[in-house]
Amino acid sequence: MWEANFISGKPGEDATPEGVWQINSNDGASKLIGAKDPETGKPKYESPVSYWMPFEGNMVGFHDATWQNDKSFDDPNSYKWCGSHGCINLRLADAKALHDCIKVGLCVVVHS
């Protein structure tokens, strides 16, 4: 059994998609690239992460979020003001622990 505090997607169009998914890869480091800004033509964000574990295509997954304030992980309402674009943000140590104990194909259930 494994558990950790996390920050999910902001309510609205960035909410973490509910459903039953599976881990698609567990390759480690990656660069998360947001959708293109229509005004600039550049991605809205480019965030390198040490642990990327996608479960909804290659668009939504578990990953470390070192840019988040550490105290935000302990507030169950923090997703309302510092939520992700749909991913499950984890502390770096928790992302490593999850990366080390899961395998591709593991079931992920997202619910409210």
PDB file of N, CA and C in Angstrom:
ATOM      1  N   MET A   1       0.857  -1.174   0.000  1.00  0.00           N
ATOM      2  CA  MET A   1       0.000   0.000   0.000  1.00  0.00           C
ATOM      3  C   MET A   1       0.904   1.237   0.000  1.00  0.00           C
ATOM      4  N   TRP A   2       0.497   2.242  -0.764  1.00  0.00           N
ATOM      5  CA  TRP A   2       1.267   3.480  -0.868  1.00  0.00           C
ATOM      6  C   TRP A   2       0.301   4.642  -0.865  1.00  0.00           C
ATOM      7  N   GLU A   3       0.653   5.730  -0.177  1.00  0.00           N
ATOM      8  CA  GLU A   3      -0.173   6.929  -0.237  1.00  0.00           C
ATOM      9  C   GLU A   3       0.704   8.152  -0.092  1.00  0.00           C
ATOM     10  N   ALA A   4       0.191   9.272  -0.604  1.00  0.00           N
ATOM     11  CA  ALA A   4       0.916  10.539  -0.521  1.00  0.00           C
ATOM     12  C   ALA A   4      -0.068  11.683  -0.702  1.00  0.00           C
ATOM     13  N   ASN A   5       0.269  12.818  -0.140  1.00  0.00           N
ATOM     14  CA  ASN A   5      -0.499  14.028  -0.412  1.00  0.00           C
ATOM     15  C   ASN A   5      -0.177  14.484  -1.825  1.00  0.00           C
ATOM     16  N   PHE A   6      -1.139  15.117  -2.489  1.00  0.00           N
ATOM     17  CA  PHE A   6      -0.940  15.532  -3.875  1.00  0.00           C
ATOM     18  C   PHE A   6      -1.767  16.770  -4.161  1.00  0.00           C
ATOM     19  N   ILE A   7      -1.535  17.349  -5.324  1.00  0.00           N
ATOM     20  CA  ILE A   7      -2.332  18.465  -5.826  1.00  0.00           C
ATOM     21  C   ILE A   7      -2.858  18.038  -7.185  1.00  0.00           C
ATOM     22  N   SER A   8      -4.167  18.042  -7.354  1.00  0.00           N
ATOM     23  CA  SER A   8      -4.771  17.617  -8.622  1.00  0.00           C
ATOM     24  C   SER A   8      -5.084  18.840  -9.493  1.00  0.00           C
ATOM     25  N   GLY A   9      -5.819  18.607 -10.569  1.00  0.00           N
ATOM     26  CA  GLY A   9      -6.155  19.668 -11.510  1.00  0.00           C
ATOM     27  C   GLY A   9      -7.100  20.710 -10.937  1.00  0.00           C
ATOM     28  N   LYS A  10      -6.952  21.935 -11.436  1.00  0.00           N
ATOM     29  CA  LYS A  10      -7.856  23.020 -11.039  1.00  0.00           C
ATOM     30  C   LYS A  10      -9.269  22.683 -11.513  1.00  0.00           C
ATOM     31  N   PRO A  11     -10.277  23.089 -10.730  1.00  0.00           N
ATOM     32  CA  PRO A  11     -11.656  22.853 -11.161  1.00  0.00           C
ATOM     33  C   PRO A  11     -11.933  23.506 -12.516  1.00  0.00           C
ATOM     34  N   GLY A  12     -12.834  22.919 -13.275  1.00  0.00           N
ATOM     35  CA  GLY A  12     -13.167  23.441 -14.599  1.00  0.00           C
ATOM     36  C   GLY A  12     -12.477  22.641 -15.669  1.00  0.00           C
ATOM     37  N   GLU A  13     -12.039  23.318 -16.720  1.00  0.00           N
ATOM     38  CA  GLU A  13     -11.450  22.584 -17.854  1.00  0.00           C
ATOM     39  C   GLU A  13     -10.106  21.948 -17.536  1.00  0.00           C
ATOM     40  N   ASP A  14      -9.455  22.335 -16.433  1.00  0.00           N
ATOM     41  CA  ASP A  14      -8.182  21.725 -16.039  1.00  0.00           C
ATOM     42  C   ASP A  14      -8.350  20.623 -14.991  1.00  0.00           C
ATOM     43  N   ALA A  15      -9.581  20.256 -14.675  1.00  0.00           N
ATOM     44  CA  ALA A  15      -9.816  19.209 -13.672  1.00  0.00           C
ATOM     45  C   ALA A  15      -9.186  17.892 -14.118  1.00  0.00           C
ATOM     46  N   THR A  16      -8.693  17.142 -13.160  1.00  0.00           N
ATOM     47  CA  THR A  16      -8.157  15.816 -13.465  1.00  0.00           C
ATOM     48  C   THR A  16      -9.311  14.951 -13.976  1.00  0.00           C
ATOM     49  N   PRO A  17      -9.158  14.318 -15.136  1.00  0.00           N
ATOM     50  CA  PRO A  17     -10.272  13.551 -15.704  1.00  0.00           C
ATOM     51  C   PRO A  17     -10.610  12.315 -14.867  1.00  0.00           C
ATOM     52  N   GLU A  18     -11.892  12.207 -14.511  1.00  0.00           N
ATOM     53  CA  GLU A  18     -12.338  11.044 -13.752  1.00  0.00           C
ATOM     54  C   GLU A  18     -12.450   9.841 -14.685  1.00  0.00           C
ATOM     55  N   GLY A  19     -12.198   8.681 -14.136  1.00  0.00           N
ATOM     56  CA  GLY A  19     -12.311   7.462 -14.917  1.00  0.00           C
ATOM     57  C   GLY A  19     -11.364   6.393 -14.433  1.00  0.00           C
ATOM     58  N   VAL A  20     -11.335   5.301 -15.167  1.00  0.00           N
ATOM     59  CA  VAL A  20     -10.444   4.188 -14.876  1.00  0.00           C
ATOM     60  C   VAL A  20      -9.403   4.152 -15.985  1.00  0.00           C
ATOM     61  N   TRP A  21      -8.149   4.251 -15.607  1.00  0.00           N
ATOM     62  CA  TRP A  21      -7.039   4.353 -16.547  1.00  0.00           C
ATOM     63  C   TRP A  21      -5.989   3.304 -16.198  1.00  0.00           C
ATOM     64  N   GLN A  22      -4.887   3.334 -16.923  1.00  0.00           N
ATOM     65  CA  GLN A  22      -3.744   2.499 -16.565  1.00  0.00           C
ATOM     66  C   GLN A  22      -2.465   3.277 -16.818  1.00  0.00           C
ATOM     67  N   ILE A  23      -1.433   2.953 -16.069  1.00  0.00           N
ATOM     68  CA  ILE A  23      -0.127   3.583 -16.259  1.00  0.00           C
ATOM     69  C   ILE A  23       0.391   3.186 -17.643  1.00  0.00           C
ATOM     70  N   ASN A  24       0.731   4.193 -18.452  1.00  0.00           N
ATOM     71  CA  ASN A  24       1.171   3.943 -19.830  1.00  0.00           C
ATOM     72  C   ASN A  24       2.683   3.821 -19.969  1.00  0.00           C
ATOM     73  N   SER A  25       3.420   4.487 -19.097  1.00  0.00           N
ATOM     74  CA  SER A  25       4.876   4.360 -19.097  1.00  0.00           C
ATOM     75  C   SER A  25       5.400   4.795 -17.749  1.00  0.00           C
ATOM     76  N   ASN A  26       6.640   4.441 -17.499  1.00  0.00           N
ATOM     77  CA  ASN A  26       7.285   4.788 -16.235  1.00  0.00           C
ATOM     78  C   ASN A  26       8.768   4.979 -16.516  1.00  0.00           C
ATOM     79  N   ASP A  27       9.044   5.819 -17.504  1.00  0.00           N
ATOM     80  CA  ASP A  27      10.409   5.967 -18.003  1.00  0.00           C
ATOM     81  C   ASP A  27      11.281   6.931 -17.217  1.00  0.00           C
ATOM     82  N   GLY A  28      10.708   7.741 -16.354  1.00  0.00           N
ATOM     83  CA  GLY A  28      11.516   8.675 -15.574  1.00  0.00           C
ATOM     84  C   GLY A  28      11.359  10.103 -16.055  1.00  0.00           C
ATOM     85  N   ALA A  29      12.480  10.771 -16.282  1.00  0.00           N
ATOM     86  CA  ALA A  29      12.498  12.198 -16.590  1.00  0.00           C
ATOM     87  C   ALA A  29      11.815  12.513 -17.922  1.00  0.00           C
ATOM     88  N   SER A  30      11.217  13.716 -17.962  1.00  0.00           N
ATOM     89  CA  SER A  30      10.543  14.180 -19.167  1.00  0.00           C
ATOM     90  C   SER A  30      10.394  15.695 -19.093  1.00  0.00           C
ATOM     91  N   LYS A  31       9.978  16.295 -20.193  1.00  0.00           N
ATOM     92  CA  LYS A  31       9.624  17.711 -20.206  1.00  0.00           C
ATOM     93  C   LYS A  31       8.158  17.800 -20.577  1.00  0.00           C
ATOM     94  N   LEU A  32       7.361  18.363 -19.673  1.00  0.00           N
ATOM     95  CA  LEU A  32       5.936  18.530 -19.917  1.00  0.00           C
ATOM     96  C   LEU A  32       5.736  19.820 -20.691  1.00  0.00           C
ATOM     97  N   ILE A  33       5.039  19.741 -21.816  1.00  0.00           N
ATOM     98  CA  ILE A  33       4.863  20.900 -22.692  1.00  0.00           C
ATOM     99  C   ILE A  33       3.377  21.165 -22.859  1.00  0.00           C
ATOM    100  N   GLY A  34       2.967  22.382 -22.508  1.00  0.00           N
ATOM    101  CA  GLY A  34       1.558  22.762 -22.585  1.00  0.00           C
ATOM    102  C   GLY A  34       1.117  23.090 -23.997  1.00  0.00           C
ATOM    103  N   ALA A  35      -0.170  23.295 -24.128  1.00  0.00           N
ATOM    104  CA  ALA A  35      -0.754  23.676 -25.417  1.00  0.00           C
ATOM    105  C   ALA A  35      -0.174  25.014 -25.870  1.00  0.00           C
ATOM    106  N   LYS A  36      -0.180  25.244 -27.170  1.00  0.00           N
ATOM    107  CA  LYS A  36       0.343  26.503 -27.705  1.00  0.00           C
ATOM    108  C   LYS A  36      -0.585  27.665 -27.399  1.00  0.00           C
ATOM    109  N   ASP A  37       0.013  28.764 -27.005  1.00  0.00           N
ATOM    110  CA  ASP A  37      -0.721  30.003 -26.790  1.00  0.00           C
ATOM    111  C   ASP A  37      -1.051  30.562 -28.171  1.00  0.00           C
ATOM    112  N   PRO A  38      -2.331  30.798 -28.500  1.00  0.00           N
ATOM    113  CA  PRO A  38      -2.688  31.259 -29.841  1.00  0.00           C
ATOM    114  C   PRO A  38      -2.075  32.621 -30.197  1.00  0.00           C
ATOM    115  N   GLU A  39      -1.792  33.440 -29.200  1.00  0.00           N
ATOM    116  CA  GLU A  39      -1.215  34.760 -29.473  1.00  0.00           C
ATOM    117  C   GLU A  39       0.274  34.702 -29.775  1.00  0.00           C
ATOM    118  N   THR A  40       1.015  33.856 -29.043  1.00  0.00           N
ATOM    119  CA  THR A  40       2.467  33.805 -29.219  1.00  0.00           C
ATOM    120  C   THR A  40       2.926  32.627 -30.069  1.00  0.00           C
ATOM    121  N   GLY A  41       2.090  31.592 -30.154  1.00  0.00           N
ATOM    122  CA  GLY A  41       2.479  30.383 -30.874  1.00  0.00           C
ATOM    123  C   GLY A  41       3.442  29.514 -30.089  1.00  0.00           C
ATOM    124  N   LYS A  42       3.749  29.935 -28.848  1.00  0.00           N
ATOM    125  CA  LYS A  42       4.671  29.174 -27.993  1.00  0.00           C
ATOM    126  C   LYS A  42       3.857  28.398 -26.953  1.00  0.00           C
ATOM    127  N   PRO A  43       4.440  27.310 -26.445  1.00  0.00           N
ATOM    128  CA  PRO A  43       3.730  26.555 -25.405  1.00  0.00           C
ATOM    129  C   PRO A  43       3.463  27.430 -24.181  1.00  0.00           C
ATOM    130  N   LYS A  44       2.320  27.177 -23.537  1.00  0.00           N
ATOM    131  CA  LYS A  44       1.958  27.938 -22.339  1.00  0.00           C
ATOM    132  C   LYS A  44       2.903  27.632 -21.180  1.00  0.00           C
ATOM    133  N   TYR A  45       3.502  26.462 -21.185  1.00  0.00           N
ATOM    134  CA  TYR A  45       4.500  26.111 -20.173  1.00  0.00           C
ATOM    135  C   TYR A  45       5.393  25.002 -20.714  1.00  0.00           C
ATOM    136  N   GLU A  46       6.597  24.937 -20.206  1.00  0.00           N
ATOM    137  CA  GLU A  46       7.534  23.848 -20.449  1.00  0.00           C
ATOM    138  C   GLU A  46       8.171  23.544 -19.106  1.00  0.00           C
ATOM    139  N   SER A  47       7.831  22.388 -18.535  1.00  0.00           N
ATOM    140  CA  SER A  47       8.271  22.052 -17.187  1.00  0.00           C
ATOM    141  C   SER A  47       9.019  20.729 -17.176  1.00  0.00           C
ATOM    142  N   PRO A  48      10.307  20.776 -16.900  1.00  0.00           N
ATOM    143  CA  PRO A  48      11.032  19.511 -16.762  1.00  0.00           C
ATOM    144  C   PRO A  48      10.652  18.826 -15.450  1.00  0.00           C
ATOM    145  N   VAL A  49      10.465  17.521 -15.499  1.00  0.00           N
ATOM    146  CA  VAL A  49      10.163  16.735 -14.305  1.00  0.00           C
ATOM    147  C   VAL A  49      11.119  15.538 -14.255  1.00  0.00           C
ATOM    148  N   SER A  50      11.356  15.065 -13.047  1.00  0.00           N
ATOM    149  CA  SER A  50      12.255  13.917 -12.874  1.00  0.00           C
ATOM    150  C   SER A  50      11.528  12.588 -13.019  1.00  0.00           C
ATOM    151  N   TYR A  51      10.215  12.589 -12.726  1.00  0.00           N
ATOM    152  CA  TYR A  51       9.425  11.358 -12.772  1.00  0.00           C
ATOM    153  C   TYR A  51       8.102  11.635 -13.459  1.00  0.00           C
ATOM    154  N   TRP A  52       7.875  11.013 -14.604  1.00  0.00           N
ATOM    155  CA  TRP A  52       6.650  11.193 -15.393  1.00  0.00           C
ATOM    156  C   TRP A  52       6.010   9.833 -15.571  1.00  0.00           C
ATOM    157  N   MET A  53       4.774   9.693 -15.053  1.00  0.00           N
ATOM    158  CA  MET A  53       4.043   8.424 -15.101  1.00  0.00           C
ATOM    159  C   MET A  53       2.645   8.694 -15.650  1.00  0.00           C
ATOM    160  N   PRO A  54       2.503   8.792 -16.980  1.00  0.00           N
ATOM    161  CA  PRO A  54       1.206   9.121 -17.579  1.00  0.00           C
ATOM    162  C   PRO A  54       0.209   7.975 -17.460  1.00  0.00           C
ATOM    163  N   PHE A  55      -1.069   8.374 -17.308  1.00  0.00           N
ATOM    164  CA  PHE A  55      -2.126   7.364 -17.265  1.00  0.00           C
ATOM    165  C   PHE A  55      -3.278   7.683 -18.204  1.00  0.00           C
ATOM    166  N   GLU A  56      -3.386   8.886 -18.696  1.00  0.00           N
ATOM    167  CA  GLU A  56      -4.454   9.221 -19.656  1.00  0.00           C
ATOM    168  C   GLU A  56      -3.741   9.678 -20.921  1.00  0.00           C
ATOM    169  N   GLY A  57      -3.541   8.719 -21.829  1.00  0.00           N
ATOM    170  CA  GLY A  57      -2.706   9.006 -22.991  1.00  0.00           C
ATOM    171  C   GLY A  57      -1.307   9.365 -22.510  1.00  0.00           C
ATOM    172  N   ASN A  58      -0.757  10.417 -23.103  1.00  0.00           N
ATOM    173  CA  ASN A  58       0.522  10.944 -22.627  1.00  0.00           C
ATOM    174  C   ASN A  58       0.309  12.383 -22.160  1.00  0.00           C
ATOM    175  N   MET A  59      -0.946  12.707 -21.809  1.00  0.00           N
ATOM    176  CA  MET A  59      -1.299  14.085 -21.462  1.00  0.00           C
ATOM    177  C   MET A  59      -1.512  14.307 -19.970  1.00  0.00           C
ATOM    178  N   VAL A  60      -1.950  13.300 -19.235  1.00  0.00           N
ATOM    179  CA  VAL A  60      -2.249  13.438 -17.812  1.00  0.00           C
ATOM    180  C   VAL A  60      -1.571  12.289 -17.076  1.00  0.00           C
ATOM    181  N   GLY A  61      -0.920  12.626 -15.979  1.00  0.00           N
ATOM    182  CA  GLY A  61      -0.258  11.580 -15.213  1.00  0.00           C
ATOM    183  C   GLY A  61       0.233  12.076 -13.873  1.00  0.00           C
ATOM    184  N   PHE A  62       0.955  11.213 -13.197  1.00  0.00           N
ATOM    185  CA  PHE A  62       1.614  11.546 -11.943  1.00  0.00           C
ATOM    186  C   PHE A  62       2.990  12.119 -12.271  1.00  0.00           C
ATOM    187  N   HIS A  63       3.414  13.136 -11.539  1.00  0.00           N
ATOM    188  CA  HIS A  63       4.780  13.649 -11.692  1.00  0.00           C
ATOM    189  C   HIS A  63       5.159  14.518 -10.518  1.00  0.00           C
ATOM    190  N   ASP A  64       6.468  14.715 -10.355  1.00  0.00           N
ATOM    191  CA  ASP A  64       6.957  15.635  -9.348  1.00  0.00           C
ATOM    192  C   ASP A  64       6.639  17.056  -9.790  1.00  0.00           C
ATOM    193  N   ALA A  65       6.443  17.925  -8.819  1.00  0.00           N
ATOM    194  CA  ALA A  65       6.116  19.329  -9.113  1.00  0.00           C
ATOM    195  C   ALA A  65       6.899  20.203  -8.136  1.00  0.00           C
ATOM    196  N   THR A  66       8.183  20.347  -8.401  1.00  0.00           N
ATOM    197  CA  THR A  66       9.063  21.090  -7.491  1.00  0.00           C
ATOM    198  C   THR A  66       8.735  22.577  -7.461  1.00  0.00           C
ATOM    199  N   TRP A  67       7.943  23.072  -8.402  1.00  0.00           N
ATOM    200  CA  TRP A  67       7.549  24.475  -8.417  1.00  0.00           C
ATOM    201  C   TRP A  67       6.424  24.770  -7.419  1.00  0.00           C
ATOM    202  N   GLN A  68       5.755  23.743  -6.930  1.00  0.00           N
ATOM    203  CA  GLN A  68       4.677  23.936  -5.957  1.00  0.00           C
ATOM    204  C   GLN A  68       5.279  24.227  -4.573  1.00  0.00           C
ATOM    205  N   ASN A  69       4.613  25.086  -3.803  1.00  0.00           N
ATOM    206  CA  ASN A  69       5.000  25.343  -2.427  1.00  0.00           C
ATOM    207  C   ASN A  69       4.799  24.056  -1.635  1.00  0.00           C
ATOM    208  N   ASP A  70       5.797  23.640  -0.887  1.00  0.00           N
ATOM    209  CA  ASP A  70       5.723  22.374  -0.166  1.00  0.00           C
ATOM    210  C   ASP A  70       4.498  22.298   0.752  1.00  0.00           C
ATOM    211  N   LYS A  71       4.127  23.402   1.379  1.00  0.00           N
ATOM    212  CA  LYS A  71       2.974  23.403   2.290  1.00  0.00           C
ATOM    213  C   LYS A  71       1.660  23.165   1.549  1.00  0.00           C
ATOM    214  N   SER A  72       1.613  23.479   0.263  1.00  0.00           N
ATOM    215  CA  SER A  72       0.390  23.284  -0.517  1.00  0.00           C
ATOM    216  C   SER A  72      -0.006  21.811  -0.600  1.00  0.00           C
ATOM    217  N   PHE A  73       0.971  20.922  -0.532  1.00  0.00           N
ATOM    218  CA  PHE A  73       0.665  19.489  -0.603  1.00  0.00           C
ATOM    219  C   PHE A  73      -0.109  19.012   0.621  1.00  0.00           C
ATOM    220  N   ASP A  74      -0.030  19.747   1.721  1.00  0.00           N
ATOM    221  CA  ASP A  74      -0.709  19.350   2.948  1.00  0.00           C
ATOM    222  C   ASP A  74      -2.091  19.981   3.102  1.00  0.00           C
ATOM    223  N   ASP A  75      -2.482  20.841   2.176  1.00  0.00           N
ATOM    224  CA  ASP A  75      -3.786  21.503   2.235  1.00  0.00           C
ATOM    225  C   ASP A  75      -4.713  20.839   1.225  1.00  0.00           C
ATOM    226  N   PRO A  76      -5.764  20.161   1.677  1.00  0.00           N
ATOM    227  CA  PRO A  76      -6.639  19.450   0.744  1.00  0.00           C
ATOM    228  C   PRO A  76      -7.402  20.352  -0.225  1.00  0.00           C
ATOM    229  N   ASN A  77      -7.394  21.657   0.006  1.00  0.00           N
ATOM    230  CA  ASN A  77      -8.087  22.583  -0.892  1.00  0.00           C
ATOM    231  C   ASN A  77      -7.147  23.333  -1.824  1.00  0.00           C
ATOM    232  N   SER A  78      -5.865  23.046  -1.770  1.00  0.00           N
ATOM    233  CA  SER A  78      -4.900  23.822  -2.560  1.00  0.00           C
ATOM    234  C   SER A  78      -5.117  23.690  -4.067  1.00  0.00           C
ATOM    235  N   TYR A  79      -5.725  22.588  -4.513  1.00  0.00           N
ATOM    236  CA  TYR A  79      -5.971  22.423  -5.952  1.00  0.00           C
ATOM    237  C   TYR A  79      -6.841  23.561  -6.498  1.00  0.00           C
ATOM    238  N   LYS A  80      -7.603  24.227  -5.632  1.00  0.00           N
ATOM    239  CA  LYS A  80      -8.495  25.298  -6.066  1.00  0.00           C
ATOM    240  C   LYS A  80      -7.735  26.544  -6.496  1.00  0.00           C
ATOM    241  N   TRP A  81      -6.546  26.781  -5.951  1.00  0.00           N
ATOM    242  CA  TRP A  81      -5.790  27.979  -6.327  1.00  0.00           C
ATOM    243  C   TRP A  81      -4.437  27.676  -6.966  1.00  0.00           C
ATOM    244  N   CYS A  82      -3.882  26.483  -6.729  1.00  0.00           N
ATOM    245  CA  CYS A  82      -2.587  26.179  -7.364  1.00  0.00           C
ATOM    246  C   CYS A  82      -2.638  24.815  -8.041  1.00  0.00           C
ATOM    247  N   GLY A  83      -3.837  24.429  -8.469  1.00  0.00           N
ATOM    248  CA  GLY A  83      -4.007  23.136  -9.110  1.00  0.00           C
ATOM    249  C   GLY A  83      -3.261  23.029 -10.431  1.00  0.00           C
ATOM    250  N   SER A  84      -3.123  21.814 -10.866  1.00  0.00           N
ATOM    251  CA  SER A  84      -2.393  21.519 -12.102  1.00  0.00           C
ATOM    252  C   SER A  84      -3.283  21.727 -13.330  1.00  0.00           C
ATOM    253  N   HIS A  85      -2.741  21.364 -14.488  1.00  0.00           N
ATOM    254  CA  HIS A  85      -3.499  21.373 -15.744  1.00  0.00           C
ATOM    255  C   HIS A  85      -4.202  20.031 -15.943  1.00  0.00           C
ATOM    256  N   GLY A  86      -4.349  19.255 -14.869  1.00  0.00           N
ATOM    257  CA  GLY A  86      -5.021  17.964 -14.915  1.00  0.00           C
ATOM    258  C   GLY A  86      -4.204  16.844 -14.299  1.00  0.00           C
ATOM    259  N   CYS A  87      -2.905  17.040 -14.204  1.00  0.00           N
ATOM    260  CA  CYS A  87      -2.030  16.004 -13.652  1.00  0.00           C
ATOM    261  C   CYS A  87      -2.145  15.906 -12.141  1.00  0.00           C
ATOM    262  N   ILE A  88      -1.546  14.856 -11.611  1.00  0.00           N
ATOM    263  CA  ILE A  88      -1.423  14.676 -10.170  1.00  0.00           C
ATOM    264  C   ILE A  88      -0.001  15.093  -9.792  1.00  0.00           C
ATOM    265  N   ASN A  89       0.105  16.268  -9.158  1.00  0.00           N
ATOM    266  CA  ASN A  89       1.403  16.800  -8.718  1.00  0.00           C
ATOM    267  C   ASN A  89       1.801  16.145  -7.409  1.00  0.00           C
ATOM    268  N   LEU A  90       3.047  15.720  -7.321  1.00  0.00           N
ATOM    269  CA  LEU A  90       3.596  15.089  -6.123  1.00  0.00           C
ATOM    270  C   LEU A  90       4.878  15.782  -5.692  1.00  0.00           C
ATOM    271  N   ARG A  91       5.187  15.671  -4.409  1.00  0.00           N
ATOM    272  CA  ARG A  91       6.513  16.095  -3.940  1.00  0.00           C
ATOM    273  C   ARG A  91       7.540  15.215  -4.646  1.00  0.00           C
ATOM    274  N   LEU A  92       8.755  15.720  -4.814  1.00  0.00           N
ATOM    275  CA  LEU A  92       9.811  14.981  -5.517  1.00  0.00           C
ATOM    276  C   LEU A  92      10.039  13.604  -4.890  1.00  0.00           C
ATOM    277  N   ALA A  93      10.165  13.532  -3.567  1.00  0.00           N
ATOM    278  CA  ALA A  93      10.420  12.244  -2.906  1.00  0.00           C
ATOM    279  C   ALA A  93       9.256  11.276  -3.105  1.00  0.00           C
ATOM    280  N   ASP A  94       8.029  11.797  -3.094  1.00  0.00           N
ATOM    281  CA  ASP A  94       6.864  10.932  -3.297  1.00  0.00           C
ATOM    282  C   ASP A  94       6.786  10.440  -4.740  1.00  0.00           C
ATOM    283  N   ALA A  95       7.138  11.306  -5.698  1.00  0.00           N
ATOM    284  CA  ALA A  95       7.142  10.883  -7.100  1.00  0.00           C
ATOM    285  C   ALA A  95       8.177   9.781  -7.319  1.00  0.00           C
ATOM    286  N   LYS A  96       9.334   9.917  -6.693  1.00  0.00           N
ATOM    287  CA  LYS A  96      10.365   8.873  -6.803  1.00  0.00           C
ATOM    288  C   LYS A  96       9.857   7.567  -6.191  1.00  0.00           C
ATOM    289  N   ALA A  97       9.247   7.657  -5.008  1.00  0.00           N
ATOM    290  CA  ALA A  97       8.730   6.450  -4.347  1.00  0.00           C
ATOM    291  C   ALA A  97       7.680   5.756  -5.212  1.00  0.00           C
ATOM    292  N   LEU A  98       6.780   6.534  -5.814  1.00  0.00           N
ATOM    293  CA  LEU A  98       5.758   5.949  -6.690  1.00  0.00           C
ATOM    294  C   LEU A  98       6.409   5.331  -7.919  1.00  0.00           C
ATOM    295  N   HIS A  99       7.312   6.067  -8.541  1.00  0.00           N
ATOM    296  CA  HIS A  99       8.043   5.568  -9.720  1.00  0.00           C
ATOM    297  C   HIS A  99       8.712   4.219  -9.426  1.00  0.00           C
ATOM    298  N   ASP A 100       9.272   4.105  -8.225  1.00  0.00           N
ATOM    299  CA  ASP A 100      10.014   2.899  -7.857  1.00  0.00           C
ATOM    300  C   ASP A 100       9.118   1.694  -7.555  1.00  0.00           C
ATOM    301  N   CYS A 101       7.810   1.922  -7.320  1.00  0.00           N
ATOM    302  CA  CYS A 101       6.976   0.792  -6.914  1.00  0.00           C
ATOM    303  C   CYS A 101       5.863   0.439  -7.901  1.00  0.00           C
ATOM    304  N   ILE A 102       5.727   1.171  -9.012  1.00  0.00           N
ATOM    305  CA  ILE A 102       4.649   0.843  -9.952  1.00  0.00           C
ATOM    306  C   ILE A 102       5.194   0.260 -11.241  1.00  0.00           C
ATOM    307  N   LYS A 103       4.306  -0.337 -11.980  1.00  0.00           N
ATOM    308  CA  LYS A 103       4.654  -0.929 -13.271  1.00  0.00           C
ATOM    309  C   LYS A 103       3.642  -0.469 -14.309  1.00  0.00           C
ATOM    310  N   VAL A 104       4.058  -0.462 -15.561  1.00  0.00           N
ATOM    311  CA  VAL A 104       3.161  -0.147 -16.674  1.00  0.00           C
ATOM    312  C   VAL A 104       1.988  -1.123 -16.636  1.00  0.00           C
ATOM    313  N   GLY A 105       0.790  -0.600 -16.844  1.00  0.00           N
ATOM    314  CA  GLY A 105      -0.419  -1.408 -16.828  1.00  0.00           C
ATOM    315  C   GLY A 105      -1.178  -1.346 -15.509  1.00  0.00           C
ATOM    316  N   LEU A 106      -0.559  -0.793 -14.474  1.00  0.00           N
ATOM    317  CA  LEU A 106      -1.242  -0.670 -13.175  1.00  0.00           C
ATOM    318  C   LEU A 106      -2.493   0.174 -13.323  1.00  0.00           C
ATOM    319  N   CYS A 107      -3.577  -0.254 -12.716  1.00  0.00           N
ATOM    320  CA  CYS A 107      -4.861   0.453 -12.784  1.00  0.00           C
ATOM    321  C   CYS A 107      -4.808   1.736 -11.951  1.00  0.00           C
ATOM    322  N   VAL A 108      -5.370   2.819 -12.511  1.00  0.00           N
ATOM    323  CA  VAL A 108      -5.495   4.104 -11.837  1.00  0.00           C
ATOM    324  C   VAL A 108      -6.971   4.483 -11.877  1.00  0.00           C
ATOM    325  N   VAL A 109      -7.550   4.736 -10.720  1.00  0.00           N
ATOM    326  CA  VAL A 109      -8.955   5.156 -10.631  1.00  0.00           C
ATOM    327  C   VAL A 109      -8.975   6.580 -10.116  1.00  0.00           C
ATOM    328  N   VAL A 110      -9.554   7.499 -10.904  1.00  0.00           N
ATOM    329  CA  VAL A 110      -9.671   8.899 -10.511  1.00  0.00           C
ATOM    330  C   VAL A 110     -11.141   9.178 -10.249  1.00  0.00           C
ATOM    331  N   HIS A 111     -11.421   9.670  -9.038  1.00  0.00           N
ATOM    332  CA  HIS A 111     -12.800  10.000  -8.684  1.00  0.00           C
ATOM    333  C   HIS A 111     -12.822  11.243  -7.812  1.00  0.00           C
ATOM    334  N   SER A 112     -13.999  11.855  -7.683  1.00  0.00           N
ATOM    335  CA  SER A 112     -14.099  13.056  -6.867  1.00  0.00           C
ATOM    336  C   SER A 112     -14.358  12.701  -5.421  1.00  0.00           C
TER     337      SER A 112
END
